Every structure is written in structure tokens, then in C-alpha cells.
Amino acid sequence: MFDLEKIKRESGLPRDVLARLEAKVKAEFRDDAMMFELHFVRVITAIKQGTLSLDQAFAEPVPA
């Protein structure tokens, strides 16, 4: 659906942070690959736009 590798590269986030975010989102949407991708992209986008901090991303459930 999305080019996740390109999105991760363009995010500017460190690899370890991306890996933690990916694991968190996958844990919440383990049975639905499309929902995982959608929410993973939304989290990265929100962090890039400054509407979600890394602390919030790791502390809260994945934003719907």
C-alpha cells in the first residue's frame, strides 16, 4: 500500500526510534497489515508535523 522504506528514510527519525514505533504499531494491529501501514504512516506524519511528540507516541495508544 505505502512505500514504508521511503517514508521511514524521509522521516529523518533515527533507525532505533523507527524500529520502536514500528513494533508498537504492529503490536496494536498485528492481524491487519493495511491498518498497521496506515497508522504507522499517520504516526510518522504527526511526529514530522509536530502534532505528536515522541514521548506521546510511545506513551499513548496509536492515534486512530
N, C-alpha and C. Protein backbone atom coordinates (compact mmCIF):
# COMPACT_ATOMS: atom_id res chain seq x y z
N MET A 1 0.82 -1.19 0.00
CA MET A 1 0.00 0.00 0.00
C MET A 1 0.87 1.26 0.00
N PHE A 2 1.71 1.41 1.03
CA PHE A 2 2.61 2.56 1.12
C PHE A 2 4.05 2.09 0.92
N ASP A 3 4.92 2.98 0.48
CA ASP A 3 6.34 2.67 0.39
C ASP A 3 6.95 3.02 1.75
N LEU A 4 6.85 2.07 2.69
CA LEU A 4 7.28 2.34 4.06
C LEU A 4 8.76 2.65 4.17
N GLU A 5 9.57 2.00 3.37
CA GLU A 5 11.01 2.27 3.44
C GLU A 5 11.31 3.72 3.06
N LYS A 6 10.65 4.22 2.03
CA LYS A 6 10.83 5.60 1.61
C LYS A 6 10.32 6.55 2.69
N ILE A 7 9.18 6.25 3.26
CA ILE A 7 8.60 7.10 4.31
C ILE A 7 9.52 7.13 5.53
N LYS A 8 10.07 5.99 5.89
CA LYS A 8 10.99 5.94 7.04
C LYS A 8 12.25 6.75 6.74
N ARG A 9 12.81 6.59 5.54
CA ARG A 9 14.01 7.34 5.16
C ARG A 9 13.75 8.84 5.22
N GLU A 10 12.63 9.26 4.67
CA GLU A 10 12.31 10.68 4.58
C GLU A 10 11.86 11.29 5.90
N SER A 11 11.57 10.45 6.88
CA SER A 11 11.10 10.96 8.17
C SER A 11 12.18 11.72 8.93
N GLY A 12 13.43 11.34 8.70
CA GLY A 12 14.53 11.96 9.44
C GLY A 12 14.69 11.41 10.85
N LEU A 13 13.87 10.43 11.20
CA LEU A 13 13.96 9.83 12.54
C LEU A 13 15.05 8.77 12.57
N PRO A 14 15.72 8.62 13.71
CA PRO A 14 16.75 7.58 13.83
C PRO A 14 16.15 6.18 13.65
N ARG A 15 16.97 5.27 13.15
CA ARG A 15 16.51 3.90 12.90
C ARG A 15 15.95 3.22 14.14
N ASP A 16 16.60 3.45 15.29
CA ASP A 16 16.12 2.79 16.51
C ASP A 16 14.74 3.30 16.91
N VAL A 17 14.49 4.58 16.71
CA VAL A 17 13.18 5.15 17.01
C VAL A 17 12.14 4.58 16.06
N LEU A 18 12.46 4.52 14.78
CA LEU A 18 11.54 3.95 13.80
C LEU A 18 11.23 2.49 14.12
N ALA A 19 12.22 1.74 14.53
CA ALA A 19 12.01 0.33 14.88
C ALA A 19 11.08 0.20 16.07
N ARG A 20 11.25 1.06 17.08
CA ARG A 20 10.37 1.03 18.25
C ARG A 20 8.95 1.43 17.88
N LEU A 21 8.80 2.46 17.05
CA LEU A 21 7.47 2.88 16.62
C LEU A 21 6.80 1.78 15.81
N GLU A 22 7.55 1.18 14.91
CA GLU A 22 7.01 0.11 14.08
C GLU A 22 6.53 -1.06 14.94
N ALA A 23 7.32 -1.44 15.93
CA ALA A 23 6.95 -2.55 16.81
C ALA A 23 5.69 -2.21 17.61
N LYS A 24 5.60 -0.97 18.07
CA LYS A 24 4.43 -0.55 18.86
C LYS A 24 3.16 -0.61 18.01
N VAL A 25 3.23 -0.08 16.80
CA VAL A 25 2.05 -0.07 15.94
C VAL A 25 1.69 -1.49 15.51
N LYS A 26 2.70 -2.30 15.20
CA LYS A 26 2.45 -3.69 14.81
C LYS A 26 1.76 -4.46 15.92
N ALA A 27 2.16 -4.19 17.16
CA ALA A 27 1.55 -4.88 18.30
C ALA A 27 0.06 -4.56 18.41
N GLU A 28 -0.30 -3.35 18.04
CA GLU A 28 -1.70 -2.95 18.14
C GLU A 28 -2.54 -3.42 16.96
N PHE A 29 -1.89 -3.64 15.81
CA PHE A 29 -2.61 -4.05 14.60
C PHE A 29 -1.99 -5.31 14.00
N ARG A 30 -1.67 -6.26 14.84
CA ARG A 30 -0.94 -7.45 14.40
C ARG A 30 -1.69 -8.30 13.37
N ASP A 31 -3.00 -8.21 13.37
CA ASP A 31 -3.79 -9.04 12.46
C ASP A 31 -4.27 -8.31 11.20
N ASP A 32 -3.82 -7.07 11.02
CA ASP A 32 -4.31 -6.29 9.89
C ASP A 32 -3.18 -5.45 9.31
N ALA A 33 -2.55 -5.95 8.27
CA ALA A 33 -1.39 -5.29 7.67
C ALA A 33 -1.73 -3.90 7.14
N MET A 34 -2.91 -3.75 6.56
CA MET A 34 -3.28 -2.46 6.00
C MET A 34 -3.47 -1.42 7.12
N MET A 35 -4.11 -1.81 8.20
CA MET A 35 -4.29 -0.88 9.33
C MET A 35 -2.93 -0.54 9.95
N PHE A 36 -2.04 -1.53 10.03
CA PHE A 36 -0.70 -1.25 10.54
C PHE A 36 -0.04 -0.18 9.69
N GLU A 37 -0.02 -0.36 8.38
CA GLU A 37 0.64 0.61 7.50
C GLU A 37 0.02 1.99 7.63
N LEU A 38 -1.28 2.05 7.61
CA LEU A 38 -1.98 3.34 7.71
C LEU A 38 -1.62 4.06 9.00
N HIS A 39 -1.69 3.36 10.12
CA HIS A 39 -1.41 4.01 11.40
C HIS A 39 0.07 4.32 11.58
N PHE A 40 0.94 3.48 11.05
CA PHE A 40 2.37 3.76 11.12
C PHE A 40 2.71 5.05 10.36
N VAL A 41 2.15 5.18 9.17
CA VAL A 41 2.37 6.40 8.37
C VAL A 41 1.78 7.61 9.10
N ARG A 42 0.62 7.46 9.68
CA ARG A 42 -0.01 8.58 10.40
C ARG A 42 0.83 9.03 11.60
N VAL A 43 1.40 8.08 12.32
CA VAL A 43 2.25 8.43 13.48
C VAL A 43 3.49 9.18 13.00
N ILE A 44 4.15 8.67 11.99
CA ILE A 44 5.35 9.33 11.46
C ILE A 44 5.01 10.74 10.97
N THR A 45 3.90 10.87 10.26
CA THR A 45 3.49 12.17 9.75
C THR A 45 3.21 13.14 10.89
N ALA A 46 2.51 12.69 11.91
CA ALA A 46 2.19 13.55 13.05
C ALA A 46 3.45 14.00 13.78
N ILE A 47 4.43 13.12 13.88
CA ILE A 47 5.70 13.48 14.53
C ILE A 47 6.43 14.53 13.68
N LYS A 48 6.48 14.30 12.36
CA LYS A 48 7.14 15.26 11.47
C LYS A 48 6.46 16.62 11.52
N GLN A 49 5.13 16.65 11.62
CA GLN A 49 4.40 17.92 11.64
C GLN A 49 4.43 18.59 13.00
N GLY A 50 4.89 17.88 14.01
CA GLY A 50 4.97 18.45 15.35
C GLY A 50 3.67 18.37 16.14
N THR A 51 2.70 17.61 15.64
CA THR A 51 1.44 17.48 16.38
C THR A 51 1.46 16.30 17.35
N LEU A 52 2.52 15.50 17.30
CA LEU A 52 2.70 14.37 18.20
C LEU A 52 4.17 14.29 18.56
N SER A 53 4.46 14.28 19.85
CA SER A 53 5.86 14.15 20.28
C SER A 53 6.23 12.67 20.35
N LEU A 54 7.52 12.40 20.39
CA LEU A 54 7.96 11.01 20.54
C LEU A 54 7.47 10.44 21.87
N ASP A 55 7.52 11.25 22.93
CA ASP A 55 7.04 10.79 24.23
C ASP A 55 5.57 10.38 24.14
N GLN A 56 4.77 11.20 23.47
CA GLN A 56 3.35 10.87 23.30
C GLN A 56 3.18 9.62 22.46
N ALA A 57 3.96 9.49 21.41
CA ALA A 57 3.84 8.34 20.52
C ALA A 57 4.11 7.03 21.26
N PHE A 58 5.04 7.06 22.19
CA PHE A 58 5.37 5.83 22.92
C PHE A 58 4.49 5.63 24.15
N ALA A 59 3.90 6.69 24.67
CA ALA A 59 3.12 6.57 25.90
C ALA A 59 1.65 6.28 25.64
N GLU A 60 1.14 6.74 24.52
CA GLU A 60 -0.28 6.64 24.26
C GLU A 60 -0.58 5.50 23.29
N PRO A 61 -1.85 5.07 23.28
CA PRO A 61 -2.23 4.13 22.20
C PRO A 61 -2.06 4.82 20.86
N VAL A 62 -1.91 4.05 19.83
CA VAL A 62 -1.74 4.61 18.49
C VAL A 62 -2.97 5.46 18.16
N PRO A 63 -2.75 6.72 17.72
CA PRO A 63 -3.90 7.56 17.39
C PRO A 63 -4.73 6.95 16.26
N ALA A 64 -6.02 7.00 16.41
CA ALA A 64 -6.92 6.43 15.39
C ALA A 64 -7.08 7.35 14.22
